[in-house]
Protein backbone atom coordinates (compact mmCIF):
# COMPACT_ATOMS: atom_id res chain seq x y z
CA MET A 1 3.53 0.23 24.49
CA ARG A 2 -0.24 0.44 24.52
CA LEU A 3 -2.26 1.41 21.44
CA ASP A 4 -3.40 4.58 23.19
CA ASP A 5 0.22 5.72 23.54
CA TYR A 6 0.52 6.44 19.79
CA ASP A 7 -0.28 9.71 18.08
CA ALA A 8 -0.59 8.07 14.64
CA ILE A 9 -1.50 4.52 13.61
CA LEU A 10 -0.77 3.46 10.03
CA CYS A 11 -2.62 0.24 9.21
CA ASP A 12 -2.28 -1.88 6.10
CA LEU A 13 -5.46 -2.92 4.25
CA ASP A 14 -5.34 -6.41 2.70
CA GLY A 15 -4.53 -9.07 5.26
CA CYS A 16 -5.11 -6.70 8.18
CA LEU A 17 -8.50 -5.00 7.84
CA ILE A 18 -10.00 -7.03 5.01
CA SER A 19 -9.39 -9.99 2.74
CA GLY A 20 -11.33 -9.44 -0.47
CA ASP A 21 -14.84 -8.61 0.73
CA VAL A 22 -14.34 -10.25 4.13
CA VAL A 23 -13.78 -8.05 7.18
CA LEU A 24 -11.03 -9.59 9.28
CA PRO A 25 -11.23 -10.08 13.07
CA GLY A 26 -10.35 -6.95 15.01
CA ALA A 27 -10.80 -4.52 12.10
CA GLU A 28 -13.91 -2.83 13.48
CA ALA A 29 -12.43 -2.70 16.97
CA LEU A 30 -9.23 -1.07 15.71
CA LEU A 31 -11.12 1.61 13.80
CA ALA A 32 -13.25 2.35 16.87
CA ARG A 33 -10.28 2.59 19.25
CA ALA A 34 -7.92 4.47 16.95
CA GLY A 35 -10.43 7.00 15.61
CA ALA A 36 -8.89 9.86 13.66
CA ARG A 37 -5.41 8.73 14.65
CA LEU A 38 -5.69 5.87 12.15
CA THR A 39 -4.71 6.12 8.50
CA VAL A 40 -5.18 3.23 6.09
CA LEU A 41 -1.79 2.99 4.40
CA SER A 42 -1.89 0.47 1.57
CA ASN A 43 0.04 -0.67 -1.48
CA ASN A 44 -3.36 -0.92 -3.18
CA SER A 45 -2.96 0.31 -6.75
CA THR A 46 -6.47 -0.48 -7.98
CA ASP A 47 -8.65 1.93 -5.99
CA THR A 48 -8.75 5.64 -5.40
CA ALA A 49 -9.35 6.93 -1.88
CA ASP A 50 -12.98 7.59 -2.80
CA THR A 51 -13.66 4.15 -4.30
CA LEU A 52 -11.92 2.37 -1.43
CA SER A 53 -13.78 4.41 1.18
CA ALA A 54 -17.07 3.46 -0.48
CA ARG A 55 -16.06 -0.19 -0.67
CA LEU A 56 -15.10 -0.26 3.01
CA ASP A 57 -18.30 1.53 3.97
CA ALA A 58 -20.31 -1.19 2.23
CA LEU A 59 -18.50 -3.70 4.46
CA GLY A 60 -19.33 -1.73 7.60
CA LEU A 61 -15.94 -0.07 8.00
CA ALA A 62 -16.15 3.73 8.10
CA VAL A 63 -12.91 5.23 6.81
CA PRO A 64 -13.23 8.64 5.10
CA PRO A 65 -11.14 9.26 1.96
CA ASP A 66 -8.88 11.77 3.72
CA ARG A 67 -7.67 8.95 6.00
CA ILE A 68 -6.65 6.69 3.11
CA VAL A 69 -3.21 6.77 1.48
CA LEU A 70 -2.66 4.45 -1.50
CA ALA A 71 0.41 3.53 -3.53
CA GLY A 72 -1.41 3.85 -6.85
CA ILE A 73 -2.53 7.41 -6.13
CA ALA A 74 0.96 8.28 -4.91
CA ALA A 75 2.44 6.88 -8.14
CA VAL A 76 0.13 9.12 -10.18
CA ALA A 77 1.14 12.13 -8.07
CA HIS A 78 4.81 11.25 -8.61
CA LEU A 79 4.33 11.19 -12.38
CA ALA A 80 2.20 14.35 -12.38
CA ALA A 81 5.10 16.15 -10.68
CA SER A 82 7.54 15.03 -13.40
CA PRO A 83 7.86 17.86 -15.97
CA GLY A 84 6.76 16.81 -19.45
CA ALA A 85 5.75 13.29 -18.42
CA ARG A 86 3.76 11.36 -21.01
CA VAL A 87 2.57 8.07 -19.61
CA ARG A 88 1.39 4.69 -20.81
CA MET A 89 -0.68 3.39 -17.91
CA PHE A 90 -1.28 -0.26 -17.13
CA ALA A 91 -3.82 0.31 -14.37
CA SER A 92 -7.43 -0.06 -13.32
CA PRO A 93 -10.11 2.16 -14.88
CA ALA A 94 -10.48 3.97 -11.56
CA LEU A 95 -6.77 4.79 -11.31
CA ARG A 96 -6.54 5.79 -14.98
CA GLY A 97 -9.57 8.04 -14.58
CA HIS A 98 -7.96 9.68 -11.56
CA ALA A 99 -4.72 10.19 -13.48
CA VAL A 100 -6.49 11.84 -16.40
CA ALA A 101 -8.47 14.04 -14.01
CA THR A 102 -5.21 15.30 -12.49
CA GLY A 103 -4.03 16.35 -15.96
CA LEU A 104 -1.51 13.55 -16.51
CA ALA A 105 -0.88 13.16 -20.23
CA GLU A 106 -1.46 9.69 -21.70
CA ASP A 107 0.72 8.55 -24.58
CA SER A 108 0.66 4.96 -25.81
CA ALA A 109 2.95 5.52 -28.79
CA ALA A 110 6.01 7.27 -27.38
CA PRO A 111 5.66 7.69 -23.61
CA THR A 112 8.39 9.02 -21.35
CA HIS A 113 7.14 6.76 -18.55
CA VAL A 114 5.27 3.50 -18.09
CA LEU A 115 3.09 3.19 -14.99
CA LEU A 116 2.68 -0.37 -13.77
CA ALA A 117 -0.16 -0.91 -11.33
CA ARG A 118 -2.56 -3.77 -10.61
CA ASP A 119 -4.27 -4.13 -13.97
CA LEU A 120 -6.62 -7.13 -14.08
CA GLY A 121 -6.36 -7.14 -17.88
CA TYR A 122 -2.57 -7.36 -17.91
CA GLY A 123 -1.54 -10.36 -20.03
CA TYR A 124 0.89 -11.44 -22.72
CA ALA A 125 0.05 -8.64 -25.13
CA GLU A 126 0.43 -6.02 -22.39
CA LEU A 127 3.73 -7.55 -21.25
CA HIS A 128 5.02 -7.48 -24.82
CA GLU A 129 4.00 -3.83 -25.18
CA THR A 130 5.63 -2.94 -21.85
CA LEU A 131 8.91 -4.53 -22.89
CA ARG A 132 8.83 -2.68 -26.21
CA LEU A 133 8.23 0.69 -24.58
CA LEU A 134 10.90 0.16 -21.92
CA SER A 135 13.42 -0.99 -24.52
CA GLY A 136 12.63 2.22 -26.38
CA GLY A 137 13.70 4.34 -23.42
CA ALA A 138 10.57 4.84 -21.31
CA ARG A 139 11.11 4.87 -17.54
CA LEU A 140 9.20 2.27 -15.51
CA VAL A 141 7.31 3.48 -12.43
CA VAL A 142 5.95 0.64 -10.28
CA ALA A 143 3.12 1.39 -7.89
CA ASN A 144 4.18 -1.36 -5.48
CA PRO A 145 6.48 -4.39 -5.39
CA ASP A 146 4.08 -6.84 -3.69
CA ALA A 147 3.93 -10.14 -5.57
CA SER A 148 0.57 -10.97 -3.96
CA HIS A 149 -1.84 -10.23 -1.17
CA PRO A 150 -3.92 -12.77 0.78
CA GLY A 151 -7.33 -13.66 -0.62
CA PRO A 152 -10.42 -14.60 1.41
CA ASP A 153 -9.94 -18.28 0.54
CA GLY A 154 -6.40 -18.26 1.89
CA LEU A 155 -4.84 -18.35 -1.57
CA PRO A 156 -2.56 -15.55 -2.80
CA VAL A 157 -4.03 -12.93 -5.15
CA PRO A 158 -1.53 -11.73 -7.80
CA GLU A 159 -0.35 -8.17 -7.29
CA THR A 160 1.66 -5.58 -9.21
CA GLY A 161 4.94 -7.19 -8.19
CA SER A 162 4.04 -10.34 -10.11
CA PHE A 163 3.86 -8.26 -13.31
CA LEU A 164 7.18 -6.64 -12.38
CA ALA A 165 8.73 -10.10 -11.94
CA ALA A 166 7.66 -11.02 -15.48
CA ILE A 167 9.24 -7.85 -16.85
CA LEU A 168 12.48 -8.43 -14.96
CA SER A 169 12.66 -12.01 -16.18
CA VAL A 170 13.22 -10.54 -19.65
CA LEU A 171 14.99 -7.30 -18.69
CA PRO A 172 16.90 -8.26 -15.52
CA ASP A 173 19.10 -5.14 -15.48
CA LEU A 174 16.22 -2.70 -15.88
CA ALA A 175 16.27 0.40 -13.65
CA TYR A 176 12.86 1.41 -12.30
CA ASP A 177 11.18 3.45 -9.57
CA VAL A 178 9.04 1.97 -6.78
CA ILE A 179 6.54 4.30 -5.09
CA GLY A 180 4.76 2.11 -2.52
CA LYS A 181 5.95 0.36 0.60
CA PRO A 182 8.69 -0.31 1.64
CA GLU A 183 9.73 3.09 0.28
CA PRO A 184 9.48 5.65 3.12
CA GLY A 185 7.89 8.30 0.90
CA LEU A 186 4.48 6.64 1.17
CA TYR A 187 4.76 6.67 4.98
CA ARG A 188 5.71 10.35 4.97
CA ARG A 189 2.75 11.07 2.72
CA ALA A 190 0.49 9.40 5.29
CA LEU A 191 2.02 11.31 8.20
CA SER A 192 1.58 14.63 6.38
CA ARG A 193 -2.20 14.39 6.84
CA TYR A 194 -1.94 14.91 10.60
CA ALA A 195 -2.48 18.45 11.86
CA ARG A 196 0.66 18.22 13.99
CA PRO A 197 3.66 15.96 13.32
CA PRO A 198 3.06 12.81 15.40
CA ARG A 199 5.77 12.01 17.92
CA LYS A 200 4.89 8.33 18.33
CA VAL A 201 3.92 6.30 15.26
CA LEU A 202 2.76 2.69 15.04
CA ALA A 203 2.64 0.81 11.73
CA ILE A 204 0.60 -2.39 11.41
CA GLY A 205 0.95 -4.83 8.53
CA ASP A 206 1.02 -8.45 7.43
CA ASN A 207 3.99 -8.44 5.04
CA PRO A 208 7.54 -8.52 6.47
CA LEU A 209 9.07 -7.57 3.10
CA THR A 210 7.08 -4.38 2.57
CA ASP A 211 5.20 -3.40 5.74
CA ALA A 212 7.95 -4.27 8.24
CA GLU A 213 10.77 -3.04 6.03
CA GLY A 214 8.97 0.24 5.38
CA ALA A 215 8.44 0.81 9.10
CA ALA A 216 12.12 0.05 9.69
CA ARG A 217 13.18 2.65 7.13
CA LEU A 218 10.91 5.19 8.77
CA GLY A 219 12.11 4.25 12.26
CA CYS A 220 8.71 3.64 13.83
CA ASP A 221 7.23 0.84 15.91
CA PHE A 222 5.73 -2.05 13.99
CA VAL A 223 3.22 -4.83 14.63
CA LEU A 224 3.10 -7.87 12.33
CA VAL A 225 -0.21 -9.71 12.13
CA GLY A 226 -1.46 -12.56 9.96
CA PRO A 227 -0.15 -15.95 8.80
CA GLN A 228 3.50 -14.84 8.77
CA ALA A 229 3.34 -13.37 12.27
CA PRO A 230 4.87 -15.50 15.04
CA ARG A 231 2.59 -14.02 17.68
CA TRP A 232 -0.60 -12.33 16.42
CA ARG A 233 -2.78 -14.16 13.89
CA ASP A 234 -4.96 -11.06 13.38
CA LEU A 235 -5.78 -7.62 14.74
CA GLU A 236 -8.12 -9.11 17.31
CA ALA A 237 -5.27 -11.05 18.89
CA TYR A 238 -3.03 -7.96 18.86
CA LEU A 239 -5.69 -5.75 20.42
CA ALA A 240 -6.23 -8.26 23.21
CA SER A 241 -2.53 -7.98 23.99
CA ALA A 242 -2.44 -4.20 23.54
CA THR A 243 -5.13 -3.75 26.18
CA ALA A 244 -3.46 -6.05 28.69
CA PRO A 245 -1.73 -4.61 31.77
CA ARG A 246 1.58 -2.97 30.95
CA SER A 247 3.53 -5.57 32.89
CA THR A 248 2.40 -8.28 30.46
CA GLN A 249 3.16 -6.37 27.28
CA SER A 250 6.26 -7.22 25.31
CA ALA A 251 4.33 -6.92 22.09
CA VAL A 252 5.50 -4.08 19.99
CA GLN A 253 8.59 -4.67 17.95
CA ARG A 254 10.88 -1.64 17.81
CA VAL A 255 12.41 -1.30 14.36
CA ARG A 256 14.75 1.49 13.38
CA GLY A 257 15.71 2.72 9.97
CA GLY A 258 19.19 2.06 8.74
């Protein structure tokens, strides 16, 4: 199906639109063609919608905050909706500031929950504290399970999932909640921003484990781009195919939720 056939387009951020501060091929063209149909749907747990919108704008990509849905913000909303939640947050200053502004109660001594997001200061001491709090009964909420995302130099950048892996290496039987992709709740949150429920939805991503799996659980069409994609190395290559005559298109992979 052609790009213009979709009512909603949910595009991943890192590895699709940008890599660090580098705009990837096809990003500007996708934003121009998709217009208001496009929502940036990302497992980013560092930014808020406002800070990410400003960062993208500085790179020449105009995406207003109301068209950005992020796993970190969704994790904060999840905790804010939990009655009596007191949270120890391992997160960026921007995400912590957003959480406090929403009224989420911080408690480092005896929290009911631990929020694990992409915290650039997360090290041995923080891991030790996390393990202590979880062993004491706090519930772990993980913004996203990604171990890494691609950096501009081609090397992987550690993500929240790498911190989770360290925790699970010590507490392998730990029960925890994941908010970001591949959980379908983040996709539904993105679709709720459309004035009318979209009938045809396309998800675009670079990670088969989170982006593709999340689209499968939602039951929408999916396009894989990037180094792990067998066909499209970037959005530019996909868009060239998506604008080809219909008879030459066998591009979009139909994935259905189980």
